[in-house]
Amino acid sequence: MTEATIWWLLAGGAVVAELLTGTFSLLMISIAMVAGALSAHAGADSIVQVVLASVIGGGSVVACYFIKKYRKTEQPKDSNEGLNLDIGETVMVDGWNPDGTANVWYRGANWTVIRRSGEPAAGGAHRVAEVIGTRLRVEKIPTA
């Protein structure tokens, strides 16, 4: 059995293990093993093959770690404008109830709205900041 065949079998085993466990790092290791197999096909010495696979495997795992660590965290789906099209829309609040809620007519139905903390209980135009179940959390739109 040639060195390239051993590398290909190891790469295939790493892919199977990754599919069974869902560990993304194993996929990066299998890419490193493919690099070892390709260097064996190119006629590189076994030391060069191992060093190349180690550098590519270690580098790709470290790169994935840093990408995951510094990736922008996603907003919760209740306040994510990309997932919820109601966020940013304008509703008119006529008056607030003593319990801090108000009823508004929005999208052809009555909705209960609540203020963001620190917002004054003032009527007028409000912007939807978050959807919490069947309630809209709103913030006052400043008047110019």
Protein backbone atom coordinates (compact mmCIF):
# COMPACT_ATOMS: atom_id res chain seq x y z
CA MET A 1 0.00 0.00 0.00
CA THR A 2 1.43 3.37 -0.99
CA GLU A 3 1.74 6.38 1.30
CA ALA A 4 -0.87 8.25 -0.73
CA THR A 5 -3.38 5.42 -0.23
CA ILE A 6 -2.81 5.54 3.53
CA TRP A 7 -3.39 9.31 3.53
CA TRP A 8 -6.59 8.92 1.50
CA LEU A 9 -7.90 6.22 3.87
CA LEU A 10 -7.12 8.40 6.89
CA ALA A 11 -8.86 11.37 5.27
CA GLY A 12 -11.92 9.25 4.52
CA GLY A 13 -11.96 7.96 8.10
CA ALA A 14 -11.79 11.51 9.44
CA VAL A 15 -14.71 12.55 7.22
CA VAL A 16 -16.78 9.59 8.43
CA ALA A 17 -15.93 10.43 12.05
CA GLU A 18 -16.91 14.05 11.43
CA LEU A 19 -20.26 12.99 9.97
CA LEU A 20 -20.94 10.78 12.99
CA THR A 21 -19.92 13.34 15.63
CA GLY A 22 -20.57 16.70 13.94
CA THR A 23 -17.16 18.01 15.00
CA PHE A 24 -16.07 20.61 12.48
CA SER A 25 -12.43 20.28 13.54
CA LEU A 26 -12.31 16.76 12.11
CA LEU A 27 -13.25 18.17 8.72
CA MET A 28 -10.25 20.50 8.91
CA ILE A 29 -8.04 17.56 9.88
CA SER A 30 -9.33 15.58 6.89
CA ILE A 31 -8.38 18.49 4.63
CA ALA A 32 -4.89 18.28 6.10
CA MET A 33 -4.80 14.56 5.32
CA VAL A 34 -5.83 15.28 1.75
CA ALA A 35 -2.89 17.68 1.55
CA GLY A 36 -0.65 14.86 2.79
CA ALA A 37 -2.05 12.55 0.12
CA LEU A 38 -1.51 15.12 -2.61
CA SER A 39 2.06 15.71 -1.48
CA ALA A 40 2.61 11.93 -1.55
CA HIS A 41 1.30 11.87 -5.12
CA ALA A 42 3.75 14.68 -5.94
CA GLY A 43 6.61 12.50 -4.67
CA ALA A 44 7.43 14.39 -1.46
CA ASP A 45 9.35 12.67 1.32
CA SER A 46 7.29 11.24 4.20
CA ILE A 47 8.67 13.88 6.61
CA VAL A 48 7.50 16.64 4.26
CA GLN A 49 4.08 15.00 4.01
CA VAL A 50 3.65 14.88 7.79
CA VAL A 51 4.89 18.44 8.29
CA LEU A 52 2.62 19.76 5.52
CA ALA A 53 -0.41 17.92 6.93
CA SER A 54 0.38 19.16 10.44
CA VAL A 55 0.77 22.77 9.39
CA ILE A 56 -2.41 22.77 7.29
CA GLY A 57 -4.43 20.87 9.90
CA GLY A 58 -3.28 22.94 12.85
CA GLY A 59 -3.58 26.20 10.96
CA SER A 60 -7.09 25.47 9.76
CA VAL A 61 -8.29 24.46 13.25
CA VAL A 62 -6.77 27.61 14.78
CA ALA A 63 -8.25 29.77 11.99
CA CYS A 64 -11.71 28.28 12.57
CA TYR A 65 -11.36 28.91 16.31
CA PHE A 66 -10.56 32.59 15.82
CA ILE A 67 -13.28 33.06 13.19
CA LYS A 68 -15.84 31.60 15.58
CA LYS A 69 -14.51 33.60 18.53
CA TYR A 70 -14.61 36.98 16.79
CA ARG A 71 -17.73 36.44 14.69
CA LYS A 72 -20.45 38.99 15.27
CA THR A 73 -23.03 37.56 17.63
CA GLU A 74 -26.54 37.36 16.30
CA GLN A 75 -29.40 39.33 17.76
CA PRO A 76 -32.25 37.46 19.42
CA LYS A 77 -34.94 36.61 16.90
CA ASP A 78 -37.47 38.80 18.74
CA SER A 79 -35.49 41.94 17.91
CA ASN A 80 -33.71 40.88 14.70
CA GLU A 81 -34.85 43.04 11.78
CA GLY A 82 -33.75 40.44 9.25
CA LEU A 83 -36.07 37.79 10.69
CA ASN A 84 -39.02 39.87 11.85
CA LEU A 85 -40.40 42.36 9.34
CA ASP A 86 -42.52 44.17 11.96
CA ILE A 87 -39.44 45.68 13.60
CA GLY A 88 -38.98 49.28 12.55
CA GLU A 89 -42.63 49.76 11.55
CA THR A 90 -44.60 52.69 12.94
CA VAL A 91 -47.73 52.43 15.09
CA MET A 92 -49.89 55.21 16.53
CA VAL A 93 -50.55 55.07 20.27
CA ASP A 94 -53.57 57.14 21.35
CA GLY A 95 -53.10 56.65 25.09
CA TRP A 96 -51.58 54.33 27.68
CA ASN A 97 -53.43 52.14 30.17
CA PRO A 98 -52.53 52.29 33.88
CA ASP A 99 -50.77 48.89 33.61
CA GLY A 100 -48.28 50.30 31.07
CA THR A 101 -49.87 48.77 27.98
CA ALA A 102 -51.81 50.26 25.10
CA ASN A 103 -53.96 48.90 22.30
CA VAL A 104 -53.14 49.84 18.72
CA TRP A 105 -54.56 48.95 15.32
CA TYR A 106 -51.74 47.40 13.29
CA ARG A 107 -51.85 45.14 10.21
CA GLY A 108 -55.62 44.88 10.38
CA ALA A 109 -55.83 43.71 14.00
CA ASN A 110 -55.70 45.00 17.55
CA TRP A 111 -52.28 44.59 19.15
CA THR A 112 -51.13 45.17 22.69
CA VAL A 113 -48.03 47.33 22.91
CA ILE A 114 -45.66 47.89 25.81
CA ARG A 115 -43.07 50.61 26.29
CA ARG A 116 -39.35 50.07 26.45
CA SER A 117 -37.99 50.63 29.94
CA GLY A 118 -37.32 54.29 30.56
CA GLU A 119 -39.71 55.46 27.85
CA PRO A 120 -42.29 58.08 28.88
CA ALA A 121 -46.00 57.24 28.62
CA ALA A 122 -46.70 59.63 25.77
CA GLY A 123 -49.07 59.16 22.87
CA GLY A 124 -48.23 59.58 19.22
CA ALA A 125 -46.04 57.76 16.74
CA HIS A 126 -43.97 54.86 18.06
CA ARG A 127 -41.52 52.52 16.35
CA VAL A 128 -41.73 48.74 16.89
CA ALA A 129 -38.47 47.69 18.53
CA GLU A 130 -39.24 44.08 19.41
CA VAL A 131 -41.99 41.48 19.04
CA ILE A 132 -42.62 39.47 22.20
CA GLY A 133 -45.20 36.80 21.48
CA THR A 134 -48.35 38.73 20.63
CA ARG A 135 -47.10 42.03 22.05
CA LEU A 136 -45.13 44.78 20.42
CA ARG A 137 -42.44 46.58 22.42
CA VAL A 138 -42.29 50.12 21.13
CA GLU A 139 -40.20 53.24 21.51
CA LYS A 140 -41.32 56.82 21.01
CA ILE A 141 -40.33 58.44 17.74
CA PRO A 142 -38.89 61.88 18.55
CA THR A 143 -40.80 64.74 16.98
CA ALA A 144 -38.80 67.34 15.10
